[in-house]
Structure formats: structure tokens, C-alpha cells
Amino acid sequence: MDKDLTRDLGEQPIAALLTARNLKAHDLVAASTEQITHKMVARATKGRRLTRNVQGKILRSLNAATGEAFTLADLFTY
């Protein structure tokens, strides 16, 4: 395990996007056709490092919930 790997990266841009659109974690979970949890969304907004697979699930869920076309760069700073 890499000791230099930072796991907590601070609040991510996805948190501001959710707030600006009055969305909650439940809205993303409900909009998802994949298996995501409220905990995954909470970790995404708080800046916990996620795998690319989970990032993709969050991205697709947000795009489905808003009808917009965001990219991973719009949601995460890492």
C-alpha cells in the first residue's frame, strides 16, 4: 500500500453541483440504473478517493438525474 496516497481530498465539485440543483444523495441513487449506494455518493462529495468504476457510476447517475452531460473532470479534482 502506498503511504503517500492521500485518501481524503476535501470537498469535491460534485457537492456544489448537487447543492446548486437541489439534489440529494437519494436523488442520485433513485436515478441510477446501476447499483450505487448513499454511502458512495456521500464519499464522492466529501472527497474520499473513489475507484474509476464508482466515479463512473456517480457520473452516469448525475447525468440521468439532471439531464445534463457532465464529465468526470466536472465532478472530481483528482
C-alpha atoms as a PDB file:
ATOM      1  CA  MET A   1       0.000   0.000   0.000  1.00  0.00           C
ATOM      2  CA  ASP A   2       1.324   3.434  -0.955  1.00  0.00           C
ATOM      3  CA  LYS A   3       1.857   5.534   2.171  1.00  0.00           C
ATOM      4  CA  ASP A   4       1.983   8.762   0.124  1.00  0.00           C
ATOM      5  CA  LEU A   5      -1.518   8.216  -1.301  1.00  0.00           C
ATOM      6  CA  THR A   6      -3.889  10.812   0.117  1.00  0.00           C
ATOM      7  CA  ARG A   7      -7.344   9.384   0.694  1.00  0.00           C
ATOM      8  CA  ASP A   8      -9.182  12.488   1.898  1.00  0.00           C
ATOM      9  CA  LEU A   9      -9.073  15.119  -0.832  1.00  0.00           C
ATOM     10  CA  GLY A  10     -11.512  17.675   0.562  1.00  0.00           C
ATOM     11  CA  GLU A  11     -14.924  18.646  -0.731  1.00  0.00           C
ATOM     12  CA  GLN A  12     -15.296  17.937  -4.445  1.00  0.00           C
ATOM     13  CA  PRO A  13     -17.081  19.975  -7.157  1.00  0.00           C
ATOM     14  CA  ILE A  14     -19.888  17.400  -7.216  1.00  0.00           C
ATOM     15  CA  ALA A  15     -21.044  18.744  -3.830  1.00  0.00           C
ATOM     16  CA  ALA A  16     -21.573  22.224  -5.292  1.00  0.00           C
ATOM     17  CA  LEU A  17     -23.338  20.776  -8.348  1.00  0.00           C
ATOM     18  CA  LEU A  18     -25.756  18.845  -6.159  1.00  0.00           C
ATOM     19  CA  THR A  19     -26.439  21.883  -3.974  1.00  0.00           C
ATOM     20  CA  ALA A  20     -26.982  24.192  -6.968  1.00  0.00           C
ATOM     21  CA  ARG A  21     -29.534  21.771  -8.441  1.00  0.00           C
ATOM     22  CA  ASN A  22     -31.245  20.995  -5.106  1.00  0.00           C
ATOM     23  CA  LEU A  23     -30.355  17.302  -5.375  1.00  0.00           C
ATOM     24  CA  LYS A  24     -29.676  14.922  -2.515  1.00  0.00           C
ATOM     25  CA  ALA A  25     -27.820  11.614  -2.438  1.00  0.00           C
ATOM     26  CA  HIS A  26     -31.165   9.828  -2.622  1.00  0.00           C
ATOM     27  CA  ASP A  27     -31.949  11.531  -5.948  1.00  0.00           C
ATOM     28  CA  LEU A  28     -28.781  10.064  -7.474  1.00  0.00           C
ATOM     29  CA  VAL A  29     -29.436   6.614  -6.054  1.00  0.00           C
ATOM     30  CA  ALA A  30     -33.005   6.686  -7.383  1.00  0.00           C
ATOM     31  CA  ALA A  31     -31.923   7.906 -10.833  1.00  0.00           C
ATOM     32  CA  SER A  32     -29.222   5.273 -11.218  1.00  0.00           C
ATOM     33  CA  THR A  33     -29.757   2.159 -13.295  1.00  0.00           C
ATOM     34  CA  GLU A  34     -26.615   0.724 -11.705  1.00  0.00           C
ATOM     35  CA  GLN A  35     -26.054  -0.354  -8.161  1.00  0.00           C
ATOM     36  CA  ILE A  36     -24.922   2.670  -6.158  1.00  0.00           C
ATOM     37  CA  THR A  37     -25.471   3.494  -2.521  1.00  0.00           C
ATOM     38  CA  HIS A  38     -25.993   6.625  -0.489  1.00  0.00           C
ATOM     39  CA  LYS A  39     -22.598   5.953   1.079  1.00  0.00           C
ATOM     40  CA  MET A  40     -20.885   6.084  -2.341  1.00  0.00           C
ATOM     41  CA  VAL A  41     -22.457   9.476  -3.040  1.00  0.00           C
ATOM     42  CA  ALA A  42     -21.507  10.767   0.418  1.00  0.00           C
ATOM     43  CA  ARG A  43     -17.906   9.663  -0.094  1.00  0.00           C
ATOM     44  CA  ALA A  44     -17.845  11.344  -3.512  1.00  0.00           C
ATOM     45  CA  THR A  45     -18.999  14.704  -2.145  1.00  0.00           C
ATOM     46  CA  LYS A  46     -16.690  14.646   0.879  1.00  0.00           C
ATOM     47  CA  GLY A  47     -13.617  13.924  -1.205  1.00  0.00           C
ATOM     48  CA  ARG A  48     -12.904  10.333  -0.291  1.00  0.00           C
ATOM     49  CA  ARG A  49     -10.853   8.780  -3.104  1.00  0.00           C
ATOM     50  CA  LEU A  50     -13.084   6.546  -5.259  1.00  0.00           C
ATOM     51  CA  THR A  51     -12.232   3.984  -7.904  1.00  0.00           C
ATOM     52  CA  ARG A  52     -12.822   4.927 -11.557  1.00  0.00           C
ATOM     53  CA  ASN A  53     -15.652   2.406 -11.642  1.00  0.00           C
ATOM     54  CA  VAL A  54     -17.525   4.105  -8.782  1.00  0.00           C
ATOM     55  CA  GLN A  55     -16.747   7.559 -10.216  1.00  0.00           C
ATOM     56  CA  GLY A  56     -18.327   6.439 -13.498  1.00  0.00           C
ATOM     57  CA  LYS A  57     -21.434   5.188 -11.717  1.00  0.00           C
ATOM     58  CA  ILE A  58     -21.816   8.505  -9.877  1.00  0.00           C
ATOM     59  CA  LEU A  59     -21.271  10.421 -13.123  1.00  0.00           C
ATOM     60  CA  ARG A  60     -23.882   8.430 -15.054  1.00  0.00           C
ATOM     61  CA  SER A  61     -26.346   8.781 -12.187  1.00  0.00           C
ATOM     62  CA  LEU A  62     -25.881  12.556 -12.011  1.00  0.00           C
ATOM     63  CA  ASN A  63     -26.291  12.860 -15.768  1.00  0.00           C
ATOM     64  CA  ALA A  64     -29.514  10.823 -15.579  1.00  0.00           C
ATOM     65  CA  ALA A  65     -30.871  12.858 -12.658  1.00  0.00           C
ATOM     66  CA  THR A  66     -30.159  16.260 -14.235  1.00  0.00           C
ATOM     67  CA  GLY A  67     -30.480  15.528 -17.943  1.00  0.00           C
ATOM     68  CA  GLU A  68     -27.136  17.256 -18.468  1.00  0.00           C
ATOM     69  CA  ALA A  69     -23.838  15.865 -19.761  1.00  0.00           C
ATOM     70  CA  PHE A  70     -21.129  16.253 -17.123  1.00  0.00           C
ATOM     71  CA  THR A  71     -17.658  14.727 -17.315  1.00  0.00           C
ATOM     72  CA  LEU A  72     -15.505  13.267 -14.555  1.00  0.00           C
ATOM     73  CA  ALA A  73     -13.430  16.465 -14.593  1.00  0.00           C
ATOM     74  CA  ASP A  74     -16.584  18.419 -13.713  1.00  0.00           C
ATOM     75  CA  LEU A  75     -17.192  16.260 -10.619  1.00  0.00           C
ATOM     76  CA  PHE A  76     -13.785  15.380  -9.203  1.00  0.00           C
ATOM     77  CA  THR A  77     -10.456  17.179  -8.796  1.00  0.00           C
ATOM     78  CA  TYR A  78      -8.341  14.023  -8.744  1.00  0.00           C
END
